[in-house]
Amino acid sequence: MKILLGEVMIEKDITYQELENRSGISKATLHRMVCGRNYTPIEYLERIAKALDMRISDLYESEWK
Protein backbone atom coordinates (compact mmCIF):
# COMPACT_ATOMS: atom_id res chain seq x y z
CA MET A 1 0.00 0.00 0.00
CA LYS A 2 1.44 3.33 -1.04
CA ILE A 3 0.62 6.44 0.98
CA LEU A 4 -0.23 9.35 -1.34
CA LEU A 5 0.26 12.08 1.24
CA GLY A 6 2.95 13.94 -0.70
CA GLU A 7 0.79 14.06 -3.83
CA VAL A 8 -2.23 15.20 -1.83
CA MET A 9 -0.24 17.94 -0.10
CA ILE A 10 0.94 19.26 -3.47
CA GLU A 11 -2.57 19.05 -4.92
CA LYS A 12 -4.06 20.92 -1.95
CA ASP A 13 -1.09 23.32 -1.72
CA ILE A 14 -0.53 22.61 1.98
CA THR A 15 2.78 22.71 3.83
CA TYR A 16 4.06 20.33 6.47
CA GLN A 17 3.60 23.08 9.06
CA GLU A 18 -0.03 23.64 8.08
CA LEU A 19 -0.78 19.93 8.17
CA GLU A 20 0.96 19.58 11.52
CA ASN A 21 -1.22 22.39 12.91
CA ARG A 22 -4.41 20.82 11.55
CA SER A 23 -3.69 17.18 12.39
CA GLY A 24 -1.49 17.34 15.47
CA ILE A 25 1.04 15.02 13.78
CA SER A 26 4.61 16.31 13.81
CA LYS A 27 6.27 17.58 10.64
CA ALA A 28 8.99 14.96 11.06
CA THR A 29 6.45 12.12 11.19
CA LEU A 30 4.56 13.53 8.20
CA HIS A 31 7.81 13.76 6.25
CA ARG A 32 8.68 10.14 7.08
CA MET A 33 5.21 9.12 5.88
CA VAL A 34 5.69 10.97 2.58
CA CYS A 35 9.12 9.35 2.09
CA GLY A 36 7.78 5.90 2.94
CA ARG A 37 10.09 5.47 5.92
CA ASN A 38 7.41 5.20 8.56
CA TYR A 39 4.64 2.74 9.39
CA THR A 40 1.40 4.72 9.17
CA PRO A 41 -1.21 3.84 11.80
CA ILE A 42 -4.86 4.09 10.74
CA GLU A 43 -5.32 6.70 13.49
CA TYR A 44 -2.89 8.98 11.67
CA LEU A 45 -4.67 8.48 8.36
CA GLU A 46 -7.95 9.38 10.10
CA ARG A 47 -6.47 12.56 11.57
CA ILE A 48 -4.91 13.58 8.26
CA ALA A 49 -8.09 12.84 6.29
CA LYS A 50 -10.12 14.92 8.72
CA ALA A 51 -7.58 17.76 8.59
CA LEU A 52 -7.71 17.75 4.78
CA ASP A 53 -11.50 17.22 4.57
CA MET A 54 -11.23 14.02 2.56
CA ARG A 55 -11.75 10.25 2.85
CA ILE A 56 -9.05 8.00 4.25
CA SER A 57 -9.14 5.94 1.05
CA ASP A 58 -8.02 9.04 -0.89
CA LEU A 59 -4.73 8.97 1.04
CA TYR A 60 -3.43 5.64 -0.19
CA GLU A 61 -3.08 3.53 -3.29
CA SER A 62 -3.86 -0.16 -3.12
CA GLU A 63 -4.98 -2.94 -5.43
CA TRP A 64 -7.51 -3.88 -2.72
CA LYS A 65 -9.42 -0.59 -2.68
PDB file of N, CA and C in Angstrom:
ATOM      1  N   MET A   1       0.846  -1.171   0.000  1.00  0.00           N
ATOM      2  CA  MET A   1       0.000   0.000   0.000  1.00  0.00           C
ATOM      3  C   MET A   1       0.893   1.235   0.000  1.00  0.00           C
ATOM      4  N   LYS A   2       0.659   2.102  -0.941  1.00  0.00           N
ATOM      5  CA  LYS A   2       1.445   3.326  -1.042  1.00  0.00           C
ATOM      6  C   LYS A   2       0.633   4.496  -0.480  1.00  0.00           C
ATOM      7  N   ILE A   3       1.252   5.245   0.420  1.00  0.00           N
ATOM      8  CA  ILE A   3       0.619   6.442   0.982  1.00  0.00           C
ATOM      9  C   ILE A   3       0.818   7.583  -0.008  1.00  0.00           C
ATOM     10  N   LEU A   4      -0.253   8.276  -0.337  1.00  0.00           N
ATOM     11  CA  LEU A   4      -0.228   9.348  -1.337  1.00  0.00           C
ATOM     12  C   LEU A   4      -0.185  10.735  -0.705  1.00  0.00           C
ATOM     13  N   LEU A   5       0.298  10.815   0.505  1.00  0.00           N
ATOM     14  CA  LEU A   5       0.261  12.075   1.239  1.00  0.00           C
ATOM     15  C   LEU A   5       1.010  13.190   0.521  1.00  0.00           C
ATOM     16  N   GLY A   6       2.173  12.908  -0.006  1.00  0.00           N
ATOM     17  CA  GLY A   6       2.948  13.935  -0.705  1.00  0.00           C
ATOM     18  C   GLY A   6       2.179  14.510  -1.885  1.00  0.00           C
ATOM     19  N   GLU A   7       1.578  13.627  -2.674  1.00  0.00           N
ATOM     20  CA  GLU A   7       0.794  14.061  -3.826  1.00  0.00           C
ATOM     21  C   GLU A   7      -0.406  14.903  -3.398  1.00  0.00           C
ATOM     22  N   VAL A   8      -1.060  14.469  -2.330  1.00  0.00           N
ATOM     23  CA  VAL A   8      -2.234  15.197  -1.826  1.00  0.00           C
ATOM     24  C   VAL A   8      -1.831  16.579  -1.314  1.00  0.00           C
ATOM     25  N   MET A   9      -0.699  16.646  -0.610  1.00  0.00           N
ATOM     26  CA  MET A   9      -0.240  17.936  -0.098  1.00  0.00           C
ATOM     27  C   MET A   9       0.059  18.905  -1.239  1.00  0.00           C
ATOM     28  N   ILE A  10       0.659  18.409  -2.316  1.00  0.00           N
ATOM     29  CA  ILE A  10       0.936  19.261  -3.470  1.00  0.00           C
ATOM     30  C   ILE A  10      -0.375  19.706  -4.114  1.00  0.00           C
ATOM     31  N   GLU A  11      -1.280  18.759  -4.295  1.00  0.00           N
ATOM     32  CA  GLU A  11      -2.570  19.053  -4.917  1.00  0.00           C
ATOM     33  C   GLU A  11      -3.354  20.106  -4.133  1.00  0.00           C
ATOM     34  N   LYS A  12      -3.314  19.994  -2.808  1.00  0.00           N
ATOM     35  CA  LYS A  12      -4.061  20.921  -1.953  1.00  0.00           C
ATOM     36  C   LYS A  12      -3.235  22.143  -1.549  1.00  0.00           C
ATOM     37  N   ASP A  13      -1.986  22.209  -2.014  1.00  0.00           N
ATOM     38  CA  ASP A  13      -1.090  23.325  -1.715  1.00  0.00           C
ATOM     39  C   ASP A  13      -0.999  23.580  -0.211  1.00  0.00           C
ATOM     40  N   ILE A  14      -0.637  22.521   0.517  1.00  0.00           N
ATOM     41  CA  ILE A  14      -0.532  22.612   1.976  1.00  0.00           C
ATOM     42  C   ILE A  14       0.887  22.234   2.395  1.00  0.00           C
ATOM     43  N   THR A  15       1.417  22.963   3.346  1.00  0.00           N
ATOM     44  CA  THR A  15       2.775  22.710   3.829  1.00  0.00           C
ATOM     45  C   THR A  15       2.749  21.710   4.987  1.00  0.00           C
ATOM     46  N   TYR A  16       3.944  21.212   5.305  1.00  0.00           N
ATOM     47  CA  TYR A  16       4.057  20.326   6.469  1.00  0.00           C
ATOM     48  C   TYR A  16       3.605  21.046   7.731  1.00  0.00           C
ATOM     49  N   GLN A  17       3.969  22.310   7.871  1.00  0.00           N
ATOM     50  CA  GLN A  17       3.600  23.079   9.056  1.00  0.00           C
ATOM     51  C   GLN A  17       2.080  23.206   9.176  1.00  0.00           C
ATOM     52  N   GLU A  18       1.425  23.515   8.062  1.00  0.00           N
ATOM     53  CA  GLU A  18      -0.032  23.643   8.083  1.00  0.00           C
ATOM     54  C   GLU A  18      -0.690  22.321   8.457  1.00  0.00           C
ATOM     55  N   LEU A  19      -0.197  21.238   7.871  1.00  0.00           N
ATOM     56  CA  LEU A  19      -0.784  19.935   8.168  1.00  0.00           C
ATOM     57  C   LEU A  19      -0.504  19.516   9.604  1.00  0.00           C
ATOM     58  N   GLU A  20       0.663  19.849  10.113  1.00  0.00           N
ATOM     59  CA  GLU A  20       0.965  19.578  11.522  1.00  0.00           C
ATOM     60  C   GLU A  20      -0.027  20.324  12.413  1.00  0.00           C
ATOM     61  N   ASN A  21      -0.281  21.585  12.117  1.00  0.00           N
ATOM     62  CA  ASN A  21      -1.218  22.385  12.911  1.00  0.00           C
ATOM     63  C   ASN A  21      -2.635  21.817  12.864  1.00  0.00           C
ATOM     64  N   ARG A  22      -3.047  21.349  11.715  1.00  0.00           N
ATOM     65  CA  ARG A  22      -4.409  20.824  11.555  1.00  0.00           C
ATOM     66  C   ARG A  22      -4.588  19.426  12.134  1.00  0.00           C
ATOM     67  N   SER A  23      -3.546  18.587  12.010  1.00  0.00           N
ATOM     68  CA  SER A  23      -3.691  17.178  12.385  1.00  0.00           C
ATOM     69  C   SER A  23      -3.100  16.832  13.748  1.00  0.00           C
ATOM     70  N   GLY A  24      -2.157  17.658  14.217  1.00  0.00           N
ATOM     71  CA  GLY A  24      -1.489  17.343  15.467  1.00  0.00           C
ATOM     72  C   GLY A  24      -0.373  16.311  15.303  1.00  0.00           C
ATOM     73  N   ILE A  25      -0.039  15.964  14.063  1.00  0.00           N
ATOM     74  CA  ILE A  25       1.036  15.019  13.778  1.00  0.00           C
ATOM     75  C   ILE A  25       2.271  15.830  13.410  1.00  0.00           C
ATOM     76  N   SER A  26       3.402  15.509  14.006  1.00  0.00           N
ATOM     77  CA  SER A  26       4.610  16.312  13.812  1.00  0.00           C
ATOM     78  C   SER A  26       5.056  16.345  12.353  1.00  0.00           C
ATOM     79  N   LYS A  27       5.727  17.436  11.995  1.00  0.00           N
ATOM     80  CA  LYS A  27       6.268  17.580  10.641  1.00  0.00           C
ATOM     81  C   LYS A  27       7.216  16.433  10.315  1.00  0.00           C
ATOM     82  N   ALA A  28       8.026  16.041  11.279  1.00  0.00           N
ATOM     83  CA  ALA A  28       8.987  14.956  11.057  1.00  0.00           C
ATOM     84  C   ALA A  28       8.267  13.648  10.720  1.00  0.00           C
ATOM     85  N   THR A  29       7.218  13.347  11.449  1.00  0.00           N
ATOM     86  CA  THR A  29       6.448  12.123  11.185  1.00  0.00           C
ATOM     87  C   THR A  29       5.770  12.201   9.831  1.00  0.00           C
ATOM     88  N   LEU A  30       5.198  13.355   9.514  1.00  0.00           N
ATOM     89  CA  LEU A  30       4.557  13.535   8.204  1.00  0.00           C
ATOM     90  C   LEU A  30       5.577  13.342   7.083  1.00  0.00           C
ATOM     91  N   HIS A  31       6.767  13.893   7.267  1.00  0.00           N
ATOM     92  CA  HIS A  31       7.811  13.756   6.248  1.00  0.00           C
ATOM     93  C   HIS A  31       8.206  12.297   6.074  1.00  0.00           C
ATOM     94  N   ARG A  32       8.341  11.570   7.169  1.00  0.00           N
ATOM     95  CA  ARG A  32       8.684  10.144   7.076  1.00  0.00           C
ATOM     96  C   ARG A  32       7.579   9.371   6.358  1.00  0.00           C
ATOM     97  N   MET A  33       6.329   9.764   6.568  1.00  0.00           N
ATOM     98  CA  MET A  33       5.213   9.116   5.875  1.00  0.00           C
ATOM     99  C   MET A  33       5.294   9.376   4.377  1.00  0.00           C
ATOM    100  N   VAL A  34       5.581  10.603   3.998  1.00  0.00           N
ATOM    101  CA  VAL A  34       5.693  10.965   2.583  1.00  0.00           C
ATOM    102  C   VAL A  34       6.832  10.199   1.922  1.00  0.00           C
ATOM    103  N   CYS A  35       7.939  10.048   2.641  1.00  0.00           N
ATOM    104  CA  CYS A  35       9.117   9.352   2.093  1.00  0.00           C
ATOM    105  C   CYS A  35       9.005   7.836   2.183  1.00  0.00           C
ATOM    106  N   GLY A  36       7.961   7.342   2.820  1.00  0.00           N
ATOM    107  CA  GLY A  36       7.775   5.903   2.935  1.00  0.00           C
ATOM    108  C   GLY A  36       8.657   5.242   3.963  1.00  0.00           C
ATOM    109  N   ARG A  37       9.179   6.023   4.909  1.00  0.00           N
ATOM    110  CA  ARG A  37      10.089   5.469   5.920  1.00  0.00           C
ATOM    111  C   ARG A  37       9.403   5.243   7.260  1.00  0.00           C
ATOM    112  N   ASN A  38       8.102   5.289   7.281  1.00  0.00           N
ATOM    113  CA  ASN A  38       7.407   5.198   8.556  1.00  0.00           C
ATOM    114  C   ASN A  38       6.154   4.350   8.388  1.00  0.00           C
ATOM    115  N   TYR A  39       5.908   3.456   9.329  1.00  0.00           N
ATOM    116  CA  TYR A  39       4.637   2.744   9.386  1.00  0.00           C
ATOM    117  C   TYR A  39       3.566   3.790   9.685  1.00  0.00           C
ATOM    118  N   THR A  40       2.450   3.728   9.004  1.00  0.00           N
ATOM    119  CA  THR A  40       1.395   4.724   9.175  1.00  0.00           C
ATOM    120  C   THR A  40       0.178   4.093   9.834  1.00  0.00           C
ATOM    121  N   PRO A  41      -0.036   4.377  11.113  1.00  0.00           N
ATOM    122  CA  PRO A  41      -1.212   3.835  11.801  1.00  0.00           C
ATOM    123  C   PRO A  41      -2.502   4.413  11.217  1.00  0.00           C
ATOM    124  N   ILE A  42      -3.562   3.639  11.249  1.00  0.00           N
ATOM    125  CA  ILE A  42      -4.856   4.089  10.741  1.00  0.00           C
ATOM    126  C   ILE A  42      -5.313   5.359  11.469  1.00  0.00           C
ATOM    127  N   GLU A  43      -4.967   5.494  12.727  1.00  0.00           N
ATOM    128  CA  GLU A  43      -5.322   6.699  13.486  1.00  0.00           C
ATOM    129  C   GLU A  43      -4.738   7.943  12.820  1.00  0.00           C
ATOM    130  N   TYR A  44      -3.517   7.842  12.341  1.00  0.00           N
ATOM    131  CA  TYR A  44      -2.887   8.983  11.669  1.00  0.00           C
ATOM    132  C   TYR A  44      -3.594   9.296  10.360  1.00  0.00           C
ATOM    133  N   LEU A  45      -3.946   8.249   9.609  1.00  0.00           N
ATOM    134  CA  LEU A  45      -4.670   8.479   8.364  1.00  0.00           C
ATOM    135  C   LEU A  45      -6.016   9.149   8.637  1.00  0.00           C
ATOM    136  N   GLU A  46      -6.682   8.754   9.715  1.00  0.00           N
ATOM    137  CA  GLU A  46      -7.953   9.378  10.097  1.00  0.00           C
ATOM    138  C   GLU A  46      -7.751  10.856  10.409  1.00  0.00           C
ATOM    139  N   ARG A  47      -6.728  11.168  11.190  1.00  0.00           N
ATOM    140  CA  ARG A  47      -6.473  12.562  11.569  1.00  0.00           C
ATOM    141  C   ARG A  47      -6.107  13.411  10.355  1.00  0.00           C
ATOM    142  N   ILE A  48      -5.312  12.852   9.457  1.00  0.00           N
ATOM    143  CA  ILE A  48      -4.914  13.580   8.256  1.00  0.00           C
ATOM    144  C   ILE A  48      -6.117  13.780   7.333  1.00  0.00           C
ATOM    145  N   ALA A  49      -6.904  12.728   7.143  1.00  0.00           N
ATOM    146  CA  ALA A  49      -8.091  12.845   6.289  1.00  0.00           C
ATOM    147  C   ALA A  49      -9.046  13.911   6.820  1.00  0.00           C
ATOM    148  N   LYS A  50      -9.241  13.914   8.113  1.00  0.00           N
ATOM    149  CA  LYS A  50     -10.119  14.920   8.721  1.00  0.00           C
ATOM    150  C   LYS A  50      -9.531  16.323   8.526  1.00  0.00           C
ATOM    151  N   ALA A  51      -8.242  16.458   8.728  1.00  0.00           N
ATOM    152  CA  ALA A  51      -7.581  17.759   8.586  1.00  0.00           C
ATOM    153  C   ALA A  51      -7.658  18.280   7.153  1.00  0.00           C
ATOM    154  N   LEU A  52      -7.675  17.362   6.189  1.00  0.00           N
ATOM    155  CA  LEU A  52      -7.712  17.749   4.779  1.00  0.00           C
ATOM    156  C   LEU A  52      -9.112  17.673   4.178  1.00  0.00           C
ATOM    157  N   ASP A  53     -10.100  17.319   5.001  1.00  0.00           N
ATOM    158  CA  ASP A  53     -11.496  17.215   4.574  1.00  0.00           C
ATOM    159  C   ASP A  53     -11.634  16.252   3.384  1.00  0.00           C
ATOM    160  N   MET A  54     -11.151  15.029   3.602  1.00  0.00           N
ATOM    161  CA  MET A  54     -11.234  14.017   2.560  1.00  0.00           C
ATOM    162  C   MET A  54     -11.402  12.638   3.190  1.00  0.00           C
ATOM    163  N   ARG A  55     -11.616  11.620   2.352  1.00  0.00           N
ATOM    164  CA  ARG A  55     -11.754  10.247   2.847  1.00  0.00           C
ATOM    165  C   ARG A  55     -10.375   9.624   3.058  1.00  0.00           C
ATOM    166  N   ILE A  56     -10.302   8.707   3.999  1.00  0.00           N
ATOM    167  CA  ILE A  56      -9.049   7.997   4.246  1.00  0.00           C
ATOM    168  C   ILE A  56      -8.589   7.285   2.976  1.00  0.00           C
ATOM    169  N   SER A  57      -9.505   6.698   2.247  1.00  0.00           N
ATOM    170  CA  SER A  57      -9.137   5.938   1.053  1.00  0.00           C
ATOM    171  C   SER A  57      -8.497   6.814  -0.026  1.00  0.00           C
ATOM    172  N   ASP A  58      -8.670   8.130   0.057  1.00  0.00           N
ATOM    173  CA  ASP A  58      -8.020   9.039  -0.893  1.00  0.00           C
ATOM    174  C   ASP A  58      -6.538   9.231  -0.573  1.00  0.00           C
ATOM    175  N   LEU A  59      -6.099   8.758   0.589  1.00  0.00           N
ATOM    176  CA  LEU A  59      -4.727   8.968   1.035  1.00  0.00           C
ATOM    177  C   LEU A  59      -3.784   7.812   0.714  1.00  0.00           C
ATOM    178  N   TYR A  60      -4.309   6.748   0.131  1.00  0.00           N
ATOM    179  CA  TYR A  60      -3.431   5.636  -0.189  1.00  0.00           C
ATOM    180  C   TYR A  60      -3.833   4.977  -1.496  1.00  0.00           C
ATOM    181  N   GLU A  61      -2.881   4.266  -2.053  1.00  0.00           N
ATOM    182  CA  GLU A  61      -3.080   3.532  -3.289  1.00  0.00           C
ATOM    183  C   GLU A  61      -2.941   2.050  -2.980  1.00  0.00           C
ATOM    184  N   SER A  62      -3.907   1.269  -3.406  1.00  0.00           N
ATOM    185  CA  SER A  62      -3.855  -0.158  -3.120  1.00  0.00           C
ATOM    186  C   SER A  62      -4.673  -0.923  -4.167  1.00  0.00           C
ATOM    187  N   GLU A  63      -4.216  -2.096  -4.502  1.00  0.00           N
ATOM    188  CA  GLU A  63      -4.982  -2.935  -5.427  1.00  0.00           C
ATOM    189  C   GLU A  63      -6.245  -3.464  -4.766  1.00  0.00           C
ATOM    190  N   TRP A  64      -6.369  -3.344  -3.453  1.00  0.00           N
ATOM    191  CA  TRP A  64      -7.513  -3.882  -2.718  1.00  0.00           C
ATOM    192  C   TRP A  64      -8.581  -2.850  -2.424  1.00  0.00           C
ATOM    193  N   LYS A  65      -8.427  -1.647  -2.909  1.00  0.00           N
ATOM    194  CA  LYS A  65      -9.422  -0.593  -2.682  1.00  0.00           C
ATOM    195  C   LYS A  65     -10.726  -0.928  -3.341  1.00  0.00           C
TER     196      LYS A  65
END
